[in-house]
Amino acid sequence: MDTLLLWDKNLFLWLNNLGTPQFDALWMAITDKKHTIGFYVVITVICSRWLGWKKTLWLLLTIALLITFTDQITNAFKNGFQRLRPCHEEALDGLMRRVKSSCGGKYSYFSGHASNSFAIATLFVTLFAKRFQAMRLLFVVAAFVAYSRIYIGVHYPLDVLSGALFGAFGGWLFAKIYLKFIPNPL
């Protein structure tokens, strides 16, 4: 386990130090929840045109339950593992680029941004990609959000990967639940 954590720390330092001040504002915008939420509101509004109001209400309820689920499980993992965020690690002071002025919570394993982003992306892809192939690009958006957490210095790669995998599972699970109630959403 120590070898894995050392590898994770070294990979974090390498990826984090790839950043440059010219791109810091872009990655801060990508990691900002209000931009991600706004993006998915637009996607939901577009989908609502084909879903109708009843199916859209079911979708909104599913999204709310999914985000609650991923947030609560993420917090349970963070409190259970108690792995310090890189920006709270004194040993990394001076070795990493800290882009965000505040570090956020104390613990990092696993990333809530990554889990929520991949959960929503997976939900939308599972429900709508057969009709709208471009929905698969939501995984690119989720990957950018996940990577942004490394770039700004608040999560290790293993935090992001674990969060992405858990989020994808959660999104798939909640899509299947949605499809139980709405078998043919589009």
N, C-alpha and C. Protein backbone atom coordinates (compact mmCIF):
# COMPACT_ATOMS: atom_id res chain seq x y z
N MET A 1 0.82 -1.19 0.00
CA MET A 1 0.00 0.00 0.00
C MET A 1 0.87 1.26 0.00
N ASP A 2 1.96 1.21 0.77
CA ASP A 2 2.85 2.37 0.81
C ASP A 2 3.44 2.67 -0.57
N THR A 3 3.74 1.62 -1.33
CA THR A 3 4.29 1.80 -2.67
C THR A 3 3.26 2.48 -3.58
N LEU A 4 2.01 2.05 -3.49
CA LEU A 4 0.95 2.65 -4.28
C LEU A 4 0.77 4.13 -3.94
N LEU A 5 0.79 4.45 -2.67
CA LEU A 5 0.63 5.85 -2.25
C LEU A 5 1.83 6.70 -2.67
N LEU A 6 3.02 6.13 -2.65
CA LEU A 6 4.20 6.85 -3.11
C LEU A 6 4.11 7.10 -4.62
N TRP A 7 3.71 6.08 -5.37
CA TRP A 7 3.51 6.24 -6.80
C TRP A 7 2.47 7.33 -7.08
N ASP A 8 1.38 7.30 -6.31
CA ASP A 8 0.30 8.28 -6.48
C ASP A 8 0.80 9.69 -6.20
N LYS A 9 1.60 9.83 -5.16
CA LYS A 9 2.16 11.15 -4.81
C LYS A 9 3.10 11.65 -5.90
N ASN A 10 3.95 10.76 -6.42
CA ASN A 10 4.87 11.15 -7.48
C ASN A 10 4.14 11.51 -8.77
N LEU A 11 3.12 10.74 -9.10
CA LEU A 11 2.32 11.05 -10.29
C LEU A 11 1.60 12.39 -10.10
N PHE A 12 1.09 12.62 -8.90
CA PHE A 12 0.45 13.91 -8.61
C PHE A 12 1.42 15.06 -8.85
N LEU A 13 2.62 14.95 -8.29
CA LEU A 13 3.61 16.03 -8.44
C LEU A 13 3.94 16.27 -9.91
N TRP A 14 4.09 15.20 -10.67
CA TRP A 14 4.40 15.35 -12.09
C TRP A 14 3.26 16.05 -12.82
N LEU A 15 2.02 15.54 -12.63
CA LEU A 15 0.86 16.13 -13.32
C LEU A 15 0.60 17.56 -12.87
N ASN A 16 0.67 17.78 -11.58
CA ASN A 16 0.41 19.11 -11.03
C ASN A 16 1.42 20.13 -11.54
N ASN A 17 2.66 19.72 -11.67
CA ASN A 17 3.71 20.65 -12.12
C ASN A 17 3.75 20.84 -13.64
N LEU A 18 2.90 20.14 -14.37
CA LEU A 18 2.77 20.40 -15.81
C LEU A 18 2.05 21.73 -16.06
N GLY A 19 1.32 22.19 -15.06
CA GLY A 19 0.54 23.41 -15.21
C GLY A 19 1.40 24.65 -15.37
N THR A 20 0.80 25.67 -15.98
CA THR A 20 1.47 26.95 -16.15
C THR A 20 0.49 28.07 -15.76
N PRO A 21 1.01 29.19 -15.30
CA PRO A 21 0.13 30.30 -14.89
C PRO A 21 -0.83 30.76 -15.99
N GLN A 22 -0.44 30.61 -17.26
CA GLN A 22 -1.31 31.03 -18.35
C GLN A 22 -2.62 30.24 -18.40
N PHE A 23 -2.61 29.01 -17.90
CA PHE A 23 -3.81 28.18 -17.94
C PHE A 23 -4.52 28.06 -16.59
N ASP A 24 -3.99 28.67 -15.56
CA ASP A 24 -4.58 28.54 -14.23
C ASP A 24 -6.04 29.00 -14.19
N ALA A 25 -6.35 30.12 -14.80
CA ALA A 25 -7.73 30.64 -14.78
C ALA A 25 -8.68 29.69 -15.49
N LEU A 26 -8.23 29.09 -16.58
CA LEU A 26 -9.07 28.13 -17.30
C LEU A 26 -9.41 26.93 -16.41
N TRP A 27 -8.38 26.36 -15.75
CA TRP A 27 -8.61 25.18 -14.91
C TRP A 27 -9.41 25.53 -13.66
N MET A 28 -9.27 26.74 -13.17
CA MET A 28 -10.11 27.17 -12.04
C MET A 28 -11.57 27.29 -12.48
N ALA A 29 -11.81 27.74 -13.70
CA ALA A 29 -13.18 27.81 -14.22
C ALA A 29 -13.75 26.41 -14.42
N ILE A 30 -12.94 25.49 -14.92
CA ILE A 30 -13.40 24.12 -15.15
C ILE A 30 -13.77 23.45 -13.82
N THR A 31 -13.00 23.72 -12.78
CA THR A 31 -13.24 23.06 -11.49
C THR A 31 -14.37 23.71 -10.69
N ASP A 32 -14.81 24.89 -11.11
CA ASP A 32 -15.86 25.63 -10.39
C ASP A 32 -17.22 24.95 -10.59
N LYS A 33 -17.85 24.57 -9.49
CA LYS A 33 -19.12 23.83 -9.55
C LYS A 33 -20.20 24.60 -10.29
N LYS A 34 -20.21 25.91 -10.17
CA LYS A 34 -21.31 26.65 -10.81
C LYS A 34 -21.27 26.52 -12.34
N HIS A 35 -20.07 26.37 -12.91
CA HIS A 35 -20.00 26.17 -14.36
C HIS A 35 -20.49 24.79 -14.74
N THR A 36 -20.11 23.79 -13.97
CA THR A 36 -20.54 22.43 -14.26
C THR A 36 -22.04 22.29 -14.08
N ILE A 37 -22.56 22.86 -13.00
CA ILE A 37 -24.01 22.80 -12.77
C ILE A 37 -24.75 23.50 -13.90
N GLY A 38 -24.27 24.67 -14.29
CA GLY A 38 -24.90 25.40 -15.39
C GLY A 38 -24.89 24.61 -16.68
N PHE A 39 -23.78 23.95 -16.95
CA PHE A 39 -23.66 23.12 -18.14
C PHE A 39 -24.71 22.02 -18.15
N TYR A 40 -24.88 21.32 -17.02
CA TYR A 40 -25.85 20.23 -16.96
C TYR A 40 -27.29 20.73 -16.91
N VAL A 41 -27.51 21.92 -16.42
CA VAL A 41 -28.85 22.51 -16.49
C VAL A 41 -29.22 22.71 -17.96
N VAL A 42 -28.29 23.22 -18.74
CA VAL A 42 -28.54 23.42 -20.18
C VAL A 42 -28.83 22.08 -20.86
N ILE A 43 -28.04 21.06 -20.56
CA ILE A 43 -28.26 19.73 -21.15
C ILE A 43 -29.64 19.20 -20.75
N THR A 44 -30.01 19.38 -19.48
CA THR A 44 -31.31 18.91 -19.00
C THR A 44 -32.45 19.64 -19.70
N VAL A 45 -32.31 20.94 -19.87
CA VAL A 45 -33.34 21.72 -20.57
C VAL A 45 -33.48 21.23 -22.01
N ILE A 46 -32.36 20.97 -22.67
CA ILE A 46 -32.41 20.47 -24.04
C ILE A 46 -33.12 19.11 -24.08
N CYS A 47 -32.77 18.23 -23.15
CA CYS A 47 -33.40 16.90 -23.11
C CYS A 47 -34.88 17.01 -22.76
N SER A 48 -35.24 17.99 -21.97
CA SER A 48 -36.65 18.14 -21.56
C SER A 48 -37.56 18.42 -22.74
N ARG A 49 -37.01 18.99 -23.79
CA ARG A 49 -37.82 19.25 -24.99
C ARG A 49 -38.34 17.95 -25.59
N TRP A 50 -37.59 16.86 -25.45
CA TRP A 50 -38.01 15.57 -25.99
C TRP A 50 -38.69 14.70 -24.93
N LEU A 51 -38.36 14.95 -23.68
CA LEU A 51 -38.90 14.11 -22.61
C LEU A 51 -40.34 14.45 -22.24
N GLY A 52 -40.67 15.72 -22.26
CA GLY A 52 -41.96 16.15 -21.71
C GLY A 52 -41.79 16.44 -20.23
N TRP A 53 -42.79 17.06 -19.64
CA TRP A 53 -42.62 17.54 -18.27
C TRP A 53 -42.59 16.42 -17.23
N LYS A 54 -43.39 15.37 -17.41
CA LYS A 54 -43.40 14.28 -16.41
C LYS A 54 -42.07 13.54 -16.37
N LYS A 55 -41.56 13.18 -17.53
CA LYS A 55 -40.29 12.47 -17.58
C LYS A 55 -39.14 13.37 -17.12
N THR A 56 -39.26 14.67 -17.40
CA THR A 56 -38.23 15.61 -16.94
C THR A 56 -38.24 15.71 -15.42
N LEU A 57 -39.43 15.72 -14.82
CA LEU A 57 -39.50 15.74 -13.35
C LEU A 57 -38.85 14.49 -12.76
N TRP A 58 -39.09 13.33 -13.39
CA TRP A 58 -38.45 12.10 -12.94
C TRP A 58 -36.93 12.19 -13.09
N LEU A 59 -36.50 12.80 -14.19
CA LEU A 59 -35.07 12.97 -14.41
C LEU A 59 -34.46 13.89 -13.35
N LEU A 60 -35.12 14.99 -13.06
CA LEU A 60 -34.62 15.91 -12.03
C LEU A 60 -34.56 15.25 -10.66
N LEU A 61 -35.57 14.45 -10.32
CA LEU A 61 -35.57 13.71 -9.06
C LEU A 61 -34.41 12.71 -9.04
N THR A 62 -34.20 12.03 -10.15
CA THR A 62 -33.09 11.06 -10.25
C THR A 62 -31.75 11.76 -10.07
N ILE A 63 -31.58 12.92 -10.72
CA ILE A 63 -30.33 13.67 -10.60
C ILE A 63 -30.10 14.10 -9.15
N ALA A 64 -31.15 14.60 -8.50
CA ALA A 64 -31.02 15.05 -7.11
C ALA A 64 -30.63 13.88 -6.20
N LEU A 65 -31.28 12.73 -6.39
CA LEU A 65 -30.95 11.56 -5.57
C LEU A 65 -29.55 11.05 -5.87
N LEU A 66 -29.15 11.09 -7.14
CA LEU A 66 -27.82 10.64 -7.53
C LEU A 66 -26.74 11.51 -6.90
N ILE A 67 -26.89 12.81 -6.97
CA ILE A 67 -25.88 13.71 -6.39
C ILE A 67 -25.84 13.54 -4.86
N THR A 68 -27.00 13.39 -4.25
CA THR A 68 -27.03 13.15 -2.80
C THR A 68 -26.29 11.86 -2.47
N PHE A 69 -26.56 10.81 -3.23
CA PHE A 69 -25.91 9.51 -3.04
C PHE A 69 -24.39 9.63 -3.17
N THR A 70 -23.92 10.23 -4.28
CA THR A 70 -22.47 10.31 -4.49
C THR A 70 -21.81 11.21 -3.44
N ASP A 71 -22.45 12.31 -3.10
CA ASP A 71 -21.88 13.20 -2.07
C ASP A 71 -21.75 12.50 -0.72
N GLN A 72 -22.80 11.81 -0.31
CA GLN A 72 -22.78 11.16 1.00
C GLN A 72 -21.75 10.03 1.07
N ILE A 73 -21.68 9.23 0.02
CA ILE A 73 -20.70 8.14 0.01
C ILE A 73 -19.28 8.72 -0.05
N THR A 74 -19.09 9.75 -0.85
CA THR A 74 -17.78 10.40 -0.93
C THR A 74 -17.34 10.91 0.44
N ASN A 75 -18.24 11.58 1.14
CA ASN A 75 -17.91 12.09 2.47
C ASN A 75 -17.61 10.96 3.46
N ALA A 76 -18.35 9.86 3.34
CA ALA A 76 -18.08 8.71 4.22
C ALA A 76 -16.67 8.16 3.96
N PHE A 77 -16.28 8.07 2.70
CA PHE A 77 -14.93 7.61 2.36
C PHE A 77 -13.87 8.58 2.88
N LYS A 78 -14.10 9.88 2.68
CA LYS A 78 -13.12 10.87 3.13
C LYS A 78 -12.93 10.78 4.64
N ASN A 79 -14.02 10.68 5.37
CA ASN A 79 -13.93 10.59 6.83
C ASN A 79 -13.39 9.25 7.29
N GLY A 80 -13.63 8.21 6.50
CA GLY A 80 -13.14 6.88 6.86
C GLY A 80 -11.64 6.73 6.60
N PHE A 81 -11.18 7.17 5.44
CA PHE A 81 -9.77 7.01 5.09
C PHE A 81 -8.89 8.12 5.66
N GLN A 82 -9.43 9.31 5.78
CA GLN A 82 -8.73 10.47 6.34
C GLN A 82 -7.36 10.71 5.68
N ARG A 83 -7.33 10.60 4.38
CA ARG A 83 -6.10 10.91 3.63
C ARG A 83 -6.07 12.42 3.41
N LEU A 84 -5.00 13.05 3.84
CA LEU A 84 -4.88 14.49 3.69
C LEU A 84 -4.82 14.89 2.22
N ARG A 85 -5.43 16.03 1.92
CA ARG A 85 -5.30 16.59 0.57
C ARG A 85 -3.84 16.97 0.35
N PRO A 86 -3.39 16.96 -0.89
CA PRO A 86 -1.99 17.33 -1.17
C PRO A 86 -1.66 18.73 -0.64
N CYS A 87 -2.61 19.64 -0.73
CA CYS A 87 -2.37 21.02 -0.28
C CYS A 87 -2.29 21.13 1.24
N HIS A 88 -2.65 20.07 1.96
CA HIS A 88 -2.50 20.03 3.42
C HIS A 88 -1.26 19.26 3.85
N GLU A 89 -0.57 18.65 2.90
CA GLU A 89 0.64 17.87 3.19
C GLU A 89 1.84 18.81 3.28
N GLU A 90 2.37 18.95 4.48
CA GLU A 90 3.53 19.83 4.66
C GLU A 90 4.74 19.37 3.85
N ALA A 91 4.89 18.06 3.67
CA ALA A 91 6.03 17.52 2.92
C ALA A 91 6.00 17.94 1.45
N LEU A 92 4.83 18.35 0.94
CA LEU A 92 4.72 18.75 -0.46
C LEU A 92 4.86 20.25 -0.66
N ASP A 93 4.95 20.99 0.45
CA ASP A 93 5.14 22.44 0.35
C ASP A 93 6.38 22.75 -0.48
N GLY A 94 6.23 23.58 -1.48
CA GLY A 94 7.34 23.96 -2.33
C GLY A 94 7.58 23.00 -3.48
N LEU A 95 6.97 21.82 -3.44
CA LEU A 95 7.14 20.85 -4.52
C LEU A 95 5.99 20.87 -5.51
N MET A 96 4.84 21.36 -5.06
CA MET A 96 3.64 21.35 -5.89
C MET A 96 3.21 22.77 -6.24
N ARG A 97 2.40 22.87 -7.28
CA ARG A 97 1.78 24.13 -7.65
C ARG A 97 0.43 24.19 -6.96
N ARG A 98 0.24 25.16 -6.13
CA ARG A 98 -1.05 25.33 -5.46
C ARG A 98 -1.75 26.49 -6.15
N VAL A 99 -2.71 26.17 -7.00
CA VAL A 99 -3.39 27.17 -7.82
C VAL A 99 -4.54 27.80 -7.05
N LYS A 100 -5.25 27.00 -6.30
CA LYS A 100 -6.41 27.48 -5.55
C LYS A 100 -5.93 28.06 -4.22
N SER A 101 -6.40 29.26 -3.89
CA SER A 101 -5.93 29.90 -2.66
C SER A 101 -6.37 29.15 -1.41
N SER A 102 -7.59 28.61 -1.42
CA SER A 102 -8.03 27.80 -0.29
C SER A 102 -7.93 26.33 -0.69
N CYS A 103 -7.72 25.51 0.29
CA CYS A 103 -7.48 24.10 0.01
C CYS A 103 -8.76 23.27 0.02
N GLY A 104 -9.80 23.76 0.63
CA GLY A 104 -11.02 22.97 0.76
C GLY A 104 -10.96 22.15 2.03
N GLY A 105 -11.74 21.09 2.07
CA GLY A 105 -11.75 20.23 3.25
C GLY A 105 -10.40 19.61 3.54
N LYS A 106 -10.31 18.94 4.66
CA LYS A 106 -9.04 18.38 5.09
C LYS A 106 -8.65 17.11 4.34
N TYR A 107 -9.66 16.31 3.98
CA TYR A 107 -9.38 14.98 3.41
C TYR A 107 -9.71 14.91 1.92
N SER A 108 -9.02 13.97 1.25
CA SER A 108 -9.12 13.94 -0.20
C SER A 108 -9.66 12.65 -0.81
N TYR A 109 -9.65 11.54 -0.10
CA TYR A 109 -9.99 10.28 -0.76
C TYR A 109 -11.45 9.93 -0.56
N PHE A 110 -12.27 9.99 -1.59
CA PHE A 110 -11.97 10.24 -2.97
C PHE A 110 -12.64 11.53 -3.42
N SER A 111 -12.38 11.94 -4.63
CA SER A 111 -12.81 13.24 -5.13
C SER A 111 -14.31 13.31 -5.38
N GLY A 112 -14.96 14.24 -4.71
CA GLY A 112 -16.39 14.48 -4.93
C GLY A 112 -16.66 15.08 -6.30
N HIS A 113 -15.78 15.97 -6.75
CA HIS A 113 -15.94 16.55 -8.08
C HIS A 113 -15.90 15.44 -9.15
N ALA A 114 -14.94 14.54 -9.02
CA ALA A 114 -14.82 13.45 -9.99
C ALA A 114 -16.03 12.53 -9.91
N SER A 115 -16.45 12.17 -8.70
CA SER A 115 -17.58 11.25 -8.59
C SER A 115 -18.87 11.88 -9.11
N ASN A 116 -19.12 13.12 -8.78
CA ASN A 116 -20.34 13.78 -9.26
C ASN A 116 -20.32 13.97 -10.77
N SER A 117 -19.17 14.39 -11.31
CA SER A 117 -19.07 14.62 -12.76
C SER A 117 -19.28 13.34 -13.54
N PHE A 118 -18.64 12.27 -13.11
CA PHE A 118 -18.80 11.01 -13.83
C PHE A 118 -20.17 10.38 -13.57
N ALA A 119 -20.76 10.64 -12.43
CA ALA A 119 -22.11 10.13 -12.16
C ALA A 119 -23.11 10.75 -13.12
N ILE A 120 -23.08 12.07 -13.25
CA ILE A 120 -24.02 12.75 -14.13
C ILE A 120 -23.75 12.39 -15.60
N ALA A 121 -22.48 12.37 -15.98
CA ALA A 121 -22.13 12.00 -17.36
C ALA A 121 -22.64 10.59 -17.68
N THR A 122 -22.42 9.66 -16.78
CA THR A 122 -22.85 8.27 -17.01
C THR A 122 -24.37 8.18 -17.07
N LEU A 123 -25.05 8.90 -16.20
CA LEU A 123 -26.52 8.91 -16.21
C LEU A 123 -27.02 9.37 -17.58
N PHE A 124 -26.53 10.51 -18.06
CA PHE A 124 -26.99 11.05 -19.34
C PHE A 124 -26.60 10.15 -20.51
N VAL A 125 -25.40 9.63 -20.49
CA VAL A 125 -24.96 8.75 -21.58
C VAL A 125 -25.81 7.48 -21.60
N THR A 126 -26.03 6.88 -20.45
CA THR A 126 -26.82 5.65 -20.38
C THR A 126 -28.25 5.89 -20.86
N LEU A 127 -28.82 7.03 -20.51
CA LEU A 127 -30.21 7.30 -20.88
C LEU A 127 -30.38 7.79 -22.31
N PHE A 128 -29.42 8.59 -22.81
CA PHE A 128 -29.69 9.31 -24.05
C PHE A 128 -28.70 9.09 -25.19
N ALA A 129 -27.62 8.37 -24.99
CA ALA A 129 -26.59 8.25 -26.04
C ALA A 129 -27.06 7.46 -27.26
N LYS A 130 -28.02 6.57 -27.11
CA LYS A 130 -28.51 5.84 -28.27
C LYS A 130 -29.15 6.80 -29.28
N ARG A 131 -29.82 7.79 -28.76
CA ARG A 131 -30.48 8.77 -29.64
C ARG A 131 -29.54 9.92 -29.99
N PHE A 132 -28.71 10.32 -29.04
CA PHE A 132 -27.80 11.46 -29.23
C PHE A 132 -26.37 10.99 -28.98
N GLN A 133 -25.69 10.57 -30.02
CA GLN A 133 -24.34 10.04 -29.90
C GLN A 133 -23.38 11.03 -29.23
N ALA A 134 -23.62 12.32 -29.43
CA ALA A 134 -22.73 13.35 -28.88
C ALA A 134 -22.74 13.36 -27.34
N MET A 135 -23.72 12.72 -26.73
CA MET A 135 -23.76 12.65 -25.26
C MET A 135 -22.50 12.00 -24.71
N ARG A 136 -21.87 11.15 -25.48
CA ARG A 136 -20.65 10.48 -25.02
C ARG A 136 -19.53 11.48 -24.72
N LEU A 137 -19.62 12.66 -25.32
CA LEU A 137 -18.63 13.71 -25.05
C LEU A 137 -18.70 14.21 -23.60
N LEU A 138 -19.78 13.88 -22.91
CA LEU A 138 -19.89 14.26 -21.51
C LEU A 138 -18.79 13.61 -20.68
N PHE A 139 -18.28 12.46 -21.14
CA PHE A 139 -17.16 11.83 -20.43
C PHE A 139 -15.89 12.68 -20.55
N VAL A 140 -15.75 13.38 -21.66
CA VAL A 140 -14.61 14.29 -21.82
C VAL A 140 -14.74 15.45 -20.83
N VAL A 141 -15.94 15.98 -20.72
CA VAL A 141 -16.19 17.07 -19.76
C VAL A 141 -15.88 16.57 -18.34
N ALA A 142 -16.38 15.40 -17.99
CA ALA A 142 -16.13 14.83 -16.66
C ALA A 142 -14.64 14.61 -16.42
N ALA A 143 -13.92 14.16 -17.44
CA ALA A 143 -12.48 13.95 -17.30
C ALA A 143 -11.75 15.27 -17.06
N PHE A 144 -12.17 16.32 -17.75
CA PHE A 144 -11.56 17.64 -17.52
C PHE A 144 -11.81 18.12 -16.10
N VAL A 145 -13.04 17.95 -15.62
CA VAL A 145 -13.36 18.35 -14.24
C VAL A 145 -12.50 17.55 -13.27
N ALA A 146 -12.40 16.25 -13.49
CA ALA A 146 -11.61 15.39 -12.60
C ALA A 146 -10.14 15.81 -12.61
N TYR A 147 -9.58 16.01 -13.80
CA TYR A 147 -8.17 16.40 -13.89
C TYR A 147 -7.93 17.77 -13.26
N SER A 148 -8.91 18.64 -13.34
CA SER A 148 -8.74 19.98 -12.76
C SER A 148 -8.41 19.92 -11.27
N ARG A 149 -8.87 18.90 -10.61
CA ARG A 149 -8.63 18.74 -9.17
C ARG A 149 -7.15 18.46 -8.89
N ILE A 150 -6.50 17.75 -9.80
CA ILE A 150 -5.06 17.52 -9.69
C ILE A 150 -4.31 18.79 -10.05
N TYR A 151 -4.74 19.41 -11.13
CA TYR A 151 -4.09 20.63 -11.63
C TYR A 151 -4.03 21.71 -10.55
N ILE A 152 -5.16 21.92 -9.85
CA ILE A 152 -5.18 23.00 -8.86
C ILE A 152 -4.57 22.60 -7.52
N GLY A 153 -4.25 21.32 -7.36
CA GLY A 153 -3.50 20.86 -6.19
C GLY A 153 -4.30 20.39 -5.00
N VAL A 154 -5.55 19.93 -5.24
CA VAL A 154 -6.36 19.52 -4.10
C VAL A 154 -6.67 18.02 -4.05
N HIS A 155 -6.28 17.26 -5.09
CA HIS A 155 -6.51 15.81 -5.10
C HIS A 155 -5.36 15.08 -5.78
N TYR A 156 -5.12 13.88 -5.30
CA TYR A 156 -4.17 12.96 -5.91
C TYR A 156 -4.85 12.23 -7.07
N PRO A 157 -4.07 11.69 -8.01
CA PRO A 157 -4.67 10.93 -9.11
C PRO A 157 -5.54 9.75 -8.64
N LEU A 158 -5.13 9.05 -7.60
CA LEU A 158 -5.93 7.93 -7.10
C LEU A 158 -7.27 8.42 -6.55
N ASP A 159 -7.31 9.60 -5.96
CA ASP A 159 -8.57 10.19 -5.48
C ASP A 159 -9.52 10.41 -6.66
N VAL A 160 -8.95 10.93 -7.74
CA VAL A 160 -9.73 11.26 -8.93
C VAL A 160 -10.20 9.99 -9.64
N LEU A 161 -9.30 9.03 -9.80
CA LEU A 161 -9.66 7.78 -10.46
C LEU A 161 -10.74 7.03 -9.67
N SER A 162 -10.57 6.93 -8.36
CA SER A 162 -11.56 6.25 -7.52
C SER A 162 -12.90 6.97 -7.58
N GLY A 163 -12.86 8.30 -7.51
CA GLY A 163 -14.09 9.08 -7.60
C GLY A 163 -14.78 8.88 -8.94
N ALA A 164 -14.00 8.85 -10.01
CA ALA A 164 -14.58 8.66 -11.35
C ALA A 164 -15.24 7.28 -11.47
N LEU A 165 -14.57 6.25 -10.98
CA LEU A 165 -15.12 4.90 -11.05
C LEU A 165 -16.38 4.77 -10.21
N PHE A 166 -16.34 5.33 -8.99
CA PHE A 166 -17.53 5.28 -8.15
C PHE A 166 -18.67 6.07 -8.79
N GLY A 167 -18.36 7.25 -9.32
CA GLY A 167 -19.39 8.07 -9.96
C GLY A 167 -20.00 7.38 -11.16
N ALA A 168 -19.17 6.73 -11.97
CA ALA A 168 -19.68 6.00 -13.13
C ALA A 168 -20.62 4.88 -12.69
N PHE A 169 -20.24 4.17 -11.63
CA PHE A 169 -21.12 3.13 -11.10
C PHE A 169 -22.43 3.73 -10.62
N GLY A 170 -22.36 4.82 -9.86
CA GLY A 170 -23.57 5.47 -9.35
C GLY A 170 -24.47 5.96 -10.47
N GLY A 171 -23.87 6.58 -11.50
CA GLY A 171 -24.65 7.06 -12.63
C GLY A 171 -25.34 5.93 -13.37
N TRP A 172 -24.62 4.83 -13.56
CA TRP A 172 -25.20 3.65 -14.22
C TRP A 172 -26.35 3.08 -13.38
N LEU A 173 -26.14 2.96 -12.07
CA LEU A 173 -27.16 2.41 -11.17
C LEU A 173 -28.43 3.26 -11.20
N PHE A 174 -28.27 4.58 -11.10
CA PHE A 174 -29.44 5.45 -11.07
C PHE A 174 -30.11 5.53 -12.44
N ALA A 175 -29.36 5.36 -13.52
CA ALA A 175 -29.97 5.30 -14.85
C ALA A 175 -30.85 4.06 -14.96
N LYS A 176 -30.36 2.95 -14.41
CA LYS A 176 -31.15 1.71 -14.43
C LYS A 176 -32.42 1.87 -13.60
N ILE A 177 -32.32 2.54 -12.47
CA ILE A 177 -33.51 2.80 -11.64
C ILE A 177 -34.49 3.68 -12.40
N TYR A 178 -33.99 4.74 -13.04
CA TYR A 178 -34.85 5.63 -13.83
C TYR A 178 -35.58 4.83 -14.91
N LEU A 179 -34.83 3.94 -15.58
CA LEU A 179 -35.42 3.17 -16.67
C LEU A 179 -36.47 2.16 -16.19
N LYS A 180 -36.43 1.81 -14.91
CA LYS A 180 -37.49 0.95 -14.34
C LYS A 180 -38.83 1.68 -14.36
N PHE A 181 -38.78 3.01 -14.10
CA PHE A 181 -40.00 3.81 -14.05
C PHE A 181 -40.35 4.39 -15.42
N ILE A 182 -39.35 4.72 -16.20
CA ILE A 182 -39.54 5.31 -17.54
C ILE A 182 -38.76 4.44 -18.53
N PRO A 183 -39.36 3.34 -18.99
CA PRO A 183 -38.62 2.37 -19.83
C PRO A 183 -38.05 2.97 -21.13
N ASN A 184 -38.78 3.86 -21.76
CA ASN A 184 -38.32 4.46 -23.02
C ASN A 184 -38.35 5.98 -22.87
N PRO A 185 -37.28 6.56 -22.30
CA PRO A 185 -37.35 7.99 -22.03
C PRO A 185 -37.50 8.86 -23.27
N LEU A 186 -36.94 8.45 -24.40
CA LEU A 186 -37.05 9.27 -25.62
C LEU A 186 -37.73 8.50 -26.73
